[in-house]
Amino acid sequence: MPPPSYAGYLLVFKTFRRMEFRFVYTGLRVRDIERSLRFYTEILGMEVVDPLESFEPTRGKAVTVRSPNSSQLLELNWYEEGSQFGTAYTNGEELDHLGFEVENLQDAVKRLEDEGVQVMIRPGTIGGSLGWREAFVKDPDGIWIELVQRKKAG
């Protein structure tokens, strides 16, 4: 009688041991959750996915938003003073930037300027050789936001 084959067991074992990580959302710590929620929904047109809620264990509040027709989620978090999560606010240094694609970069930047948004890098040809143009603005808490316009095919 031939020895038992363990190949099937090894395959199952490897399958169960493998852990997949999927990026699900970006969490931003903000200083004024109502102000930030208005910015992301009223100015950038995002929609509320999970409504603003208070969370006693963290002594904070959170709301989740996303752009229409996008799977990318953004969670806005605020913590009251004295919470273990409510350490001194560092003005966005832990986060590089958030990226938003726009149809017309010039129009998008003008609209944001009209809303009083600070433009950090004006539309130019950054990324032009790679097929896009971009500009950078800041949200109310100083977090950099990239606006990118991809070149149309054809």
Protein backbone atom coordinates (compact mmCIF):
# COMPACT_ATOMS: atom_id res chain seq x y z
CA MET A 1 0.00 0.00 0.00
CA PRO A 2 1.48 3.43 -0.96
CA PRO A 3 2.13 6.00 1.77
CA PRO A 4 -0.65 8.56 2.33
CA SER A 5 -0.43 11.78 0.34
CA TYR A 6 -0.39 14.98 2.37
CA ALA A 7 -0.38 17.37 -0.59
CA GLY A 8 -4.09 18.13 -0.19
CA TYR A 9 -3.65 18.82 3.50
CA LEU A 10 -0.72 21.17 2.86
CA LEU A 11 -2.77 23.10 0.33
CA VAL A 12 -5.63 23.49 2.81
CA PHE A 13 -3.21 24.41 5.60
CA LYS A 14 -1.55 27.09 3.46
CA THR A 15 -4.93 28.43 2.37
CA PHE A 16 -6.11 28.84 5.95
CA ARG A 17 -2.82 30.30 7.17
CA ARG A 18 -2.72 32.98 4.48
CA MET A 19 -4.19 36.24 5.73
CA GLU A 20 -5.36 38.82 3.22
CA PHE A 21 -5.35 42.50 3.99
CA ARG A 22 -7.67 44.80 2.05
CA PHE A 23 -7.60 48.53 2.33
CA VAL A 24 -11.10 49.52 3.50
CA TYR A 25 -11.04 53.20 4.50
CA THR A 26 -8.95 56.17 5.55
CA GLY A 27 -9.54 57.59 9.02
CA LEU A 28 -8.86 61.28 9.58
CA ARG A 29 -8.68 62.85 12.99
CA VAL A 30 -10.31 66.27 12.79
CA ARG A 31 -10.62 69.20 15.21
CA ASP A 32 -14.25 70.11 14.42
CA ILE A 33 -16.29 67.17 13.12
CA GLU A 34 -19.30 69.27 12.03
CA ARG A 35 -17.07 71.68 10.07
CA SER A 36 -15.22 68.79 8.42
CA LEU A 37 -18.45 66.95 7.60
CA ARG A 38 -19.80 70.09 5.90
CA PHE A 39 -16.54 70.47 3.92
CA TYR A 40 -16.51 66.90 2.64
CA THR A 41 -20.25 66.72 1.88
CA GLU A 42 -21.22 70.25 0.81
CA ILE A 43 -18.02 71.35 -0.92
CA LEU A 44 -16.55 68.05 -2.19
CA GLY A 45 -19.94 66.39 -2.75
CA MET A 46 -19.35 63.25 -0.69
CA GLU A 47 -22.28 61.28 0.74
CA VAL A 48 -22.74 60.05 4.31
CA VAL A 49 -22.46 56.24 4.47
CA ASP A 50 -22.55 55.79 8.26
CA PRO A 51 -24.11 58.73 10.14
CA LEU A 52 -22.41 60.77 12.80
CA GLU A 53 -22.37 58.76 16.03
CA SER A 54 -20.86 59.14 19.48
CA PHE A 55 -18.77 56.29 20.82
CA GLU A 56 -18.47 56.10 24.60
CA PRO A 57 -15.46 53.75 24.74
CA THR A 58 -13.35 56.26 22.78
CA ARG A 59 -15.16 59.37 24.05
CA GLY A 60 -15.37 60.45 20.45
CA LYS A 61 -17.56 60.85 17.40
CA ALA A 62 -17.23 59.41 13.90
CA VAL A 63 -18.96 59.68 10.53
CA THR A 64 -18.13 57.79 7.31
CA VAL A 65 -18.47 59.37 3.86
CA ARG A 66 -17.67 58.49 0.25
CA SER A 67 -17.85 60.08 -3.18
CA PRO A 68 -20.76 59.02 -5.40
CA ASN A 69 -19.91 55.93 -7.48
CA SER A 70 -16.77 55.23 -5.42
CA SER A 71 -15.90 52.40 -3.06
CA GLN A 72 -13.29 54.47 -1.18
CA LEU A 73 -14.47 55.35 2.33
CA LEU A 74 -13.35 58.23 4.52
CA GLU A 75 -13.99 58.12 8.27
CA LEU A 76 -13.88 61.45 10.09
CA ASN A 77 -12.98 61.08 13.77
CA TRP A 78 -13.13 63.55 16.65
CA TYR A 79 -12.16 62.80 20.27
CA GLU A 80 -12.96 64.89 23.33
CA GLU A 81 -10.16 66.23 25.46
CA GLY A 82 -9.04 63.66 28.00
CA SER A 83 -9.84 60.66 25.81
CA GLN A 84 -6.93 58.23 25.38
CA PHE A 85 -7.29 58.95 21.64
CA GLY A 86 -7.60 62.72 22.14
CA THR A 87 -3.91 63.48 22.30
CA ALA A 88 -2.59 66.85 21.15
CA TYR A 89 -3.66 67.41 17.56
CA THR A 90 -0.82 67.38 15.05
CA ASN A 91 -1.87 69.26 11.94
CA GLY A 92 -2.06 66.38 9.46
CA GLU A 93 1.57 65.32 9.72
CA GLU A 94 0.76 61.61 9.93
CA LEU A 95 -1.16 61.67 6.65
CA ASP A 96 0.39 62.47 3.29
CA HIS A 97 -2.71 63.36 1.27
CA LEU A 98 -6.09 62.23 -0.02
CA GLY A 99 -6.67 61.90 -3.76
CA PHE A 100 -9.78 63.02 -5.62
CA GLU A 101 -10.21 62.62 -9.37
CA VAL A 102 -11.96 65.49 -11.17
CA GLU A 103 -13.26 65.92 -14.73
CA ASN A 104 -11.92 69.48 -15.16
CA LEU A 105 -9.05 70.54 -12.93
CA GLN A 106 -9.30 74.28 -13.66
CA ASP A 107 -13.03 74.35 -12.90
CA ALA A 108 -12.58 72.29 -9.72
CA VAL A 109 -9.85 74.59 -8.36
CA LYS A 110 -11.89 77.71 -9.19
CA ARG A 111 -14.97 76.28 -7.43
CA LEU A 112 -12.92 75.42 -4.33
CA GLU A 113 -11.30 78.87 -4.29
CA ASP A 114 -14.77 80.42 -4.52
CA GLU A 115 -15.64 78.41 -1.38
CA GLY A 116 -12.60 79.84 0.42
CA VAL A 117 -10.46 76.69 0.17
CA GLN A 118 -6.70 77.29 0.34
CA VAL A 119 -4.93 76.24 -2.89
CA MET A 120 -1.41 75.03 -2.12
CA ILE A 121 -0.22 73.98 -5.58
CA ARG A 122 -1.98 75.41 -8.61
CA PRO A 123 -2.89 73.31 -11.64
CA GLY A 124 0.18 72.60 -13.70
CA THR A 125 1.73 69.75 -15.54
CA ILE A 126 2.78 67.64 -12.56
CA GLY A 127 2.21 64.09 -13.76
CA GLY A 128 1.67 65.28 -17.35
CA SER A 129 4.08 62.74 -18.82
CA LEU A 130 2.23 60.01 -16.92
CA GLY A 131 -1.20 60.99 -18.22
CA TRP A 132 -2.66 63.40 -15.65
CA ARG A 133 -2.59 66.97 -14.30
CA GLU A 134 -2.93 67.81 -10.63
CA ALA A 135 -3.28 70.52 -8.02
CA PHE A 136 -3.28 70.46 -4.21
CA VAL A 137 -5.58 72.16 -1.69
CA LYS A 138 -5.99 71.89 2.09
CA ASP A 139 -9.07 70.89 4.05
CA PRO A 140 -10.13 72.88 7.17
CA ASP A 141 -7.68 70.91 9.35
CA GLY A 142 -4.69 71.43 7.03
CA ILE A 143 -4.80 67.98 5.41
CA TRP A 144 -3.52 68.06 1.84
CA ILE A 145 -5.93 66.98 -0.88
CA GLU A 146 -4.74 66.11 -4.37
CA LEU A 147 -7.06 66.96 -7.26
CA VAL A 148 -6.14 64.95 -10.34
CA GLN A 149 -7.47 65.16 -13.88
CA ARG A 150 -6.60 62.17 -16.02
CA LYS A 151 -6.08 62.70 -19.72
CA LYS A 152 -8.92 61.46 -21.90
CA ALA A 153 -8.12 58.44 -24.06
CA GLY A 154 -7.85 59.12 -27.78
